[in-house]
């Protein structure tokens, strides 16, 4: 279920002509994505996330929206007696239309 964000909650920006793509794009097939997610969920069966509301930015153009921000995360595995936590950046590109879908995603741990 996808809903347009409330205008007063998350600032919506329109891209400028000088907008540039940084980093590198990598196409990944669906089976690799599912295998990677499955491995992560098995390694860390307990997970918690808290998005920093003030960090969320939404930019929409040409039937696509990019949503980015930061969040706190904590993961735990009782069988392995391990826990980790930190802060990460996220970015999703969503194709808007009759059947909205995520067409790109990325995240990076910042601490």
N, C-alpha and C. Protein backbone atom coordinates (compact mmCIF):
# COMPACT_ATOMS: atom_id res chain seq x y z
N UNK A 1 0.85 -1.18 0.00
CA UNK A 1 0.00 0.00 0.00
C UNK A 1 0.89 1.23 0.00
N UNK A 2 0.76 2.04 -1.01
CA UNK A 2 1.58 3.23 -1.15
C UNK A 2 0.68 4.45 -1.13
N UNK A 3 1.08 5.44 -0.39
CA UNK A 3 0.29 6.65 -0.25
C UNK A 3 1.22 7.83 -0.40
N UNK A 4 0.76 8.86 -1.07
CA UNK A 4 1.59 10.05 -1.20
C UNK A 4 1.81 10.65 0.19
N UNK A 5 3.03 11.10 0.47
CA UNK A 5 3.31 11.63 1.81
C UNK A 5 2.56 12.93 2.07
N UNK A 6 2.30 13.16 3.34
CA UNK A 6 1.67 14.42 3.74
C UNK A 6 2.64 15.56 3.45
N UNK A 7 2.22 16.63 2.74
CA UNK A 7 3.14 17.70 2.37
C UNK A 7 3.83 18.37 3.54
N UNK A 8 3.16 18.50 4.66
CA UNK A 8 3.78 19.21 5.78
C UNK A 8 4.69 18.28 6.60
N UNK A 9 4.64 16.98 6.36
CA UNK A 9 5.47 16.05 7.13
C UNK A 9 6.83 15.83 6.48
N UNK A 10 6.86 15.64 5.17
CA UNK A 10 8.10 15.39 4.46
C UNK A 10 8.23 16.41 3.33
N UNK A 11 9.33 17.15 3.28
CA UNK A 11 9.49 18.13 2.21
C UNK A 11 9.62 17.44 0.86
N UNK A 12 8.92 17.95 -0.14
CA UNK A 12 9.00 17.41 -1.50
C UNK A 12 9.77 18.41 -2.34
N UNK A 13 10.80 17.91 -3.02
CA UNK A 13 11.63 18.77 -3.85
C UNK A 13 11.49 18.36 -5.30
N UNK A 14 11.64 19.30 -6.20
CA UNK A 14 11.72 18.96 -7.61
C UNK A 14 13.18 19.03 -8.00
N UNK A 15 13.66 18.09 -8.83
CA UNK A 15 15.08 18.07 -9.15
C UNK A 15 15.49 19.27 -9.99
N UNK A 16 16.70 19.73 -9.78
CA UNK A 16 17.23 20.83 -10.59
C UNK A 16 17.95 20.25 -11.80
N UNK A 17 18.24 21.10 -12.78
CA UNK A 17 18.96 20.64 -13.97
C UNK A 17 20.36 20.18 -13.61
N UNK A 18 20.90 20.65 -12.49
CA UNK A 18 22.26 20.32 -12.10
C UNK A 18 22.33 19.04 -11.25
N UNK A 19 21.18 18.38 -11.07
CA UNK A 19 21.20 17.16 -10.27
C UNK A 19 22.10 16.11 -10.92
N UNK A 20 22.88 15.45 -10.12
CA UNK A 20 23.82 14.45 -10.64
C UNK A 20 23.65 13.15 -9.89
N UNK A 21 23.91 12.07 -10.57
CA UNK A 21 23.87 10.76 -9.93
C UNK A 21 25.27 10.45 -9.45
N UNK A 22 25.39 10.13 -8.17
CA UNK A 22 26.70 9.77 -7.63
C UNK A 22 26.68 8.30 -7.27
N UNK A 23 27.84 7.72 -7.16
CA UNK A 23 27.93 6.29 -6.87
C UNK A 23 27.79 5.51 -8.15
N UNK A 24 27.62 4.19 -8.00
CA UNK A 24 27.48 3.39 -9.21
C UNK A 24 26.19 2.60 -9.12
N UNK A 25 25.56 2.42 -10.25
CA UNK A 25 24.32 1.65 -10.31
C UNK A 25 24.66 0.21 -10.64
N UNK A 26 23.97 -0.70 -10.02
CA UNK A 26 24.22 -2.11 -10.27
C UNK A 26 22.89 -2.81 -10.47
N UNK A 27 22.72 -3.44 -11.62
CA UNK A 27 21.51 -4.21 -11.87
C UNK A 27 21.68 -5.58 -11.23
N UNK A 28 20.65 -6.04 -10.54
CA UNK A 28 20.70 -7.32 -9.86
C UNK A 28 19.43 -8.08 -10.18
N UNK A 29 19.58 -9.37 -10.51
CA UNK A 29 18.39 -10.15 -10.83
C UNK A 29 17.63 -10.49 -9.55
N UNK A 30 16.34 -10.75 -9.69
CA UNK A 30 15.46 -10.96 -8.56
C UNK A 30 15.90 -12.13 -7.68
N UNK A 31 16.36 -13.22 -8.25
CA UNK A 31 16.76 -14.37 -7.44
C UNK A 31 17.95 -14.03 -6.54
N UNK A 32 18.88 -13.19 -7.02
CA UNK A 32 20.02 -12.77 -6.19
C UNK A 32 19.56 -11.87 -5.04
N UNK A 33 18.62 -10.99 -5.32
CA UNK A 33 18.08 -10.11 -4.28
C UNK A 33 17.40 -10.93 -3.19
N UNK A 34 16.57 -11.89 -3.60
CA UNK A 34 15.86 -12.72 -2.63
C UNK A 34 16.84 -13.56 -1.81
N UNK A 35 17.86 -14.12 -2.45
CA UNK A 35 18.86 -14.92 -1.72
C UNK A 35 19.60 -14.06 -0.70
N UNK A 36 19.95 -12.83 -1.09
CA UNK A 36 20.65 -11.92 -0.18
C UNK A 36 19.76 -11.56 1.01
N UNK A 37 18.50 -11.24 0.77
CA UNK A 37 17.57 -10.90 1.85
C UNK A 37 17.35 -12.09 2.78
N UNK A 38 17.18 -13.28 2.19
CA UNK A 38 16.96 -14.49 2.99
C UNK A 38 18.14 -14.74 3.92
N UNK A 39 19.36 -14.61 3.39
CA UNK A 39 20.57 -14.82 4.19
C UNK A 39 20.62 -13.83 5.35
N UNK A 40 20.32 -12.55 5.07
CA UNK A 40 20.34 -11.52 6.11
C UNK A 40 19.31 -11.83 7.20
N UNK A 41 18.09 -12.21 6.80
CA UNK A 41 17.04 -12.49 7.78
C UNK A 41 17.37 -13.72 8.62
N UNK A 42 18.05 -14.70 8.03
CA UNK A 42 18.45 -15.88 8.81
C UNK A 42 19.57 -15.53 9.78
N UNK A 43 20.51 -14.69 9.35
CA UNK A 43 21.62 -14.27 10.21
C UNK A 43 21.12 -13.41 11.36
N UNK A 44 20.15 -12.54 11.08
CA UNK A 44 19.63 -11.60 12.08
C UNK A 44 18.11 -11.75 12.18
N UNK A 45 17.63 -12.75 12.92
CA UNK A 45 16.18 -12.98 12.99
C UNK A 45 15.41 -11.90 13.74
N UNK A 46 16.06 -11.13 14.58
CA UNK A 46 15.39 -10.03 15.28
C UNK A 46 15.95 -8.71 14.76
N UNK A 47 15.05 -7.85 14.27
CA UNK A 47 15.48 -6.57 13.69
C UNK A 47 14.54 -5.46 14.12
N UNK A 48 15.11 -4.28 14.33
CA UNK A 48 14.31 -3.11 14.66
C UNK A 48 14.84 -1.89 13.93
N UNK A 49 13.94 -1.03 13.47
CA UNK A 49 14.32 0.16 12.70
C UNK A 49 13.51 1.35 13.19
N UNK A 50 14.13 2.52 13.17
CA UNK A 50 13.44 3.76 13.55
C UNK A 50 13.89 4.86 12.60
N UNK A 51 13.01 5.25 11.68
CA UNK A 51 13.34 6.29 10.69
C UNK A 51 13.38 7.65 11.38
N UNK A 52 14.39 8.45 11.05
CA UNK A 52 14.49 9.83 11.54
C UNK A 52 13.57 10.67 10.66
N UNK A 53 12.37 10.97 11.16
CA UNK A 53 11.36 11.68 10.36
C UNK A 53 11.91 12.95 9.72
N UNK A 54 12.72 13.70 10.45
CA UNK A 54 13.22 14.98 9.94
C UNK A 54 14.21 14.80 8.79
N UNK A 55 14.71 13.59 8.57
CA UNK A 55 15.70 13.34 7.52
C UNK A 55 15.06 12.94 6.19
N UNK A 56 13.78 12.61 6.20
CA UNK A 56 13.14 12.06 5.00
C UNK A 56 12.92 13.15 3.95
N UNK A 57 13.39 12.85 2.73
CA UNK A 57 13.21 13.75 1.59
C UNK A 57 12.54 12.96 0.47
N UNK A 58 11.60 13.60 -0.22
CA UNK A 58 10.89 12.97 -1.34
C UNK A 58 11.04 13.87 -2.55
N UNK A 59 11.52 13.31 -3.66
CA UNK A 59 11.68 14.05 -4.91
C UNK A 59 10.95 13.28 -5.98
N UNK A 60 10.00 13.94 -6.67
CA UNK A 60 9.21 13.27 -7.69
C UNK A 60 9.33 13.98 -9.04
N UNK A 61 9.45 13.19 -10.10
CA UNK A 61 9.45 13.69 -11.47
C UNK A 61 9.23 12.52 -12.42
N UNK A 62 8.53 12.76 -13.50
CA UNK A 62 8.35 11.76 -14.56
C UNK A 62 7.84 10.41 -14.04
N UNK A 63 6.80 10.45 -13.23
CA UNK A 63 6.18 9.22 -12.70
C UNK A 63 7.11 8.38 -11.82
N UNK A 64 8.14 9.01 -11.26
CA UNK A 64 9.04 8.32 -10.33
C UNK A 64 9.29 9.21 -9.13
N UNK A 65 9.39 8.59 -7.97
CA UNK A 65 9.72 9.32 -6.76
C UNK A 65 10.93 8.66 -6.10
N UNK A 66 11.83 9.49 -5.60
CA UNK A 66 12.95 9.00 -4.83
C UNK A 66 12.73 9.42 -3.38
N UNK A 67 12.80 8.46 -2.49
CA UNK A 67 12.61 8.70 -1.07
C UNK A 67 13.93 8.36 -0.39
N UNK A 68 14.44 9.29 0.41
CA UNK A 68 15.71 9.02 1.09
C UNK A 68 15.66 9.57 2.50
N UNK A 69 16.59 9.09 3.32
CA UNK A 69 16.66 9.56 4.70
C UNK A 69 17.63 8.71 5.49
N UNK A 70 17.54 8.82 6.81
CA UNK A 70 18.39 8.04 7.70
C UNK A 70 17.53 7.32 8.73
N UNK A 71 18.09 6.27 9.30
CA UNK A 71 17.37 5.51 10.32
C UNK A 71 18.35 4.85 11.29
N UNK A 72 17.86 4.62 12.50
CA UNK A 72 18.58 3.82 13.48
C UNK A 72 18.19 2.37 13.26
N UNK A 73 19.12 1.45 13.45
CA UNK A 73 18.82 0.03 13.31
C UNK A 73 19.47 -0.75 14.44
N UNK A 74 18.83 -1.87 14.77
CA UNK A 74 19.40 -2.80 15.73
C UNK A 74 19.01 -4.20 15.27
N UNK A 75 19.97 -5.11 15.28
CA UNK A 75 19.72 -6.50 14.89
C UNK A 75 20.27 -7.41 15.97
N UNK A 76 19.63 -8.60 16.11
CA UNK A 76 20.07 -9.50 17.16
C UNK A 76 19.84 -10.95 16.73
N UNK A 77 20.76 -11.79 17.16
CA UNK A 77 20.63 -13.24 16.95
C UNK A 77 20.93 -13.92 18.28
N UNK A 78 19.88 -14.36 18.95
CA UNK A 78 20.07 -15.04 20.24
C UNK A 78 20.85 -16.35 20.08
N UNK A 79 20.58 -17.17 19.05
CA UNK A 79 21.36 -18.41 18.92
C UNK A 79 22.86 -18.16 18.76
N UNK A 80 23.23 -17.06 18.12
CA UNK A 80 24.66 -16.76 17.93
C UNK A 80 25.22 -15.86 19.02
N UNK A 81 24.37 -15.39 19.93
CA UNK A 81 24.78 -14.47 21.00
C UNK A 81 25.43 -13.22 20.43
N UNK A 82 24.78 -12.64 19.41
CA UNK A 82 25.34 -11.45 18.76
C UNK A 82 24.26 -10.38 18.62
N UNK A 83 24.73 -9.13 18.66
CA UNK A 83 23.86 -7.98 18.46
C UNK A 83 24.68 -6.88 17.80
N UNK A 84 24.03 -6.09 16.97
CA UNK A 84 24.70 -4.95 16.33
C UNK A 84 23.68 -3.82 16.22
N UNK A 85 24.19 -2.58 16.19
CA UNK A 85 23.29 -1.44 16.02
C UNK A 85 24.06 -0.31 15.37
N UNK A 86 23.32 0.65 14.84
CA UNK A 86 23.96 1.78 14.20
C UNK A 86 22.97 2.69 13.52
N UNK A 87 23.49 3.49 12.59
CA UNK A 87 22.70 4.44 11.81
C UNK A 87 23.03 4.19 10.35
N UNK A 88 22.03 4.28 9.49
CA UNK A 88 22.25 4.07 8.06
C UNK A 88 21.44 5.07 7.24
N UNK A 89 21.90 5.27 6.01
CA UNK A 89 21.16 6.06 5.02
C UNK A 89 20.41 5.10 4.11
N UNK A 90 19.24 5.50 3.63
CA UNK A 90 18.50 4.68 2.68
C UNK A 90 18.02 5.53 1.51
N UNK A 91 17.77 4.86 0.40
CA UNK A 91 17.23 5.52 -0.77
C UNK A 91 16.41 4.51 -1.55
N UNK A 92 15.18 4.89 -1.90
CA UNK A 92 14.31 4.05 -2.73
C UNK A 92 13.84 4.88 -3.91
N UNK A 93 13.81 4.28 -5.08
CA UNK A 93 13.18 4.90 -6.23
C UNK A 93 11.92 4.10 -6.52
N UNK A 94 10.80 4.79 -6.60
CA UNK A 94 9.51 4.14 -6.76
C UNK A 94 8.87 4.60 -8.06
N UNK A 95 8.46 3.64 -8.88
CA UNK A 95 7.71 3.95 -10.09
C UNK A 95 6.26 4.12 -9.67
N UNK A 96 5.71 5.30 -9.89
CA UNK A 96 4.34 5.62 -9.50
C UNK A 96 3.44 5.32 -10.69
N UNK A 97 2.28 4.82 -10.42
CA UNK A 97 1.32 4.50 -11.48
C UNK A 97 0.25 3.61 -10.89
N UNK A 98 -0.47 2.89 -11.76
CA UNK A 98 -1.54 2.03 -11.26
C UNK A 98 -1.02 0.93 -10.33
N UNK A 99 0.21 0.47 -10.56
CA UNK A 99 0.82 -0.56 -9.72
C UNK A 99 2.19 -0.08 -9.26
N UNK A 100 2.25 0.80 -8.26
CA UNK A 100 3.54 1.33 -7.80
C UNK A 100 4.48 0.21 -7.39
N UNK A 101 5.78 0.38 -7.70
CA UNK A 101 6.76 -0.62 -7.29
C UNK A 101 8.12 0.02 -7.10
N UNK A 102 8.89 -0.58 -6.21
CA UNK A 102 10.26 -0.13 -5.97
C UNK A 102 11.11 -0.63 -7.14
N UNK A 103 11.79 0.30 -7.80
CA UNK A 103 12.62 -0.09 -8.94
C UNK A 103 14.11 0.03 -8.63
N UNK A 104 14.46 0.67 -7.52
CA UNK A 104 15.86 0.75 -7.10
C UNK A 104 15.89 1.01 -5.60
N UNK A 105 16.91 0.47 -4.95
CA UNK A 105 17.09 0.73 -3.53
C UNK A 105 18.57 0.68 -3.20
N UNK A 106 18.93 1.41 -2.16
CA UNK A 106 20.29 1.35 -1.66
C UNK A 106 20.29 1.75 -0.20
N UNK A 107 21.31 1.30 0.50
CA UNK A 107 21.49 1.72 1.89
C UNK A 107 22.96 1.62 2.22
N UNK A 108 23.38 2.42 3.18
CA UNK A 108 24.77 2.42 3.60
C UNK A 108 24.84 2.74 5.08
N UNK A 109 25.56 1.92 5.82
CA UNK A 109 25.75 2.17 7.24
C UNK A 109 26.70 3.35 7.39
N UNK A 110 26.30 4.34 8.20
CA UNK A 110 27.14 5.51 8.42
C UNK A 110 27.84 5.47 9.78
N UNK A 111 27.31 4.68 10.69
CA UNK A 111 28.00 4.42 11.97
C UNK A 111 27.31 3.32 12.74
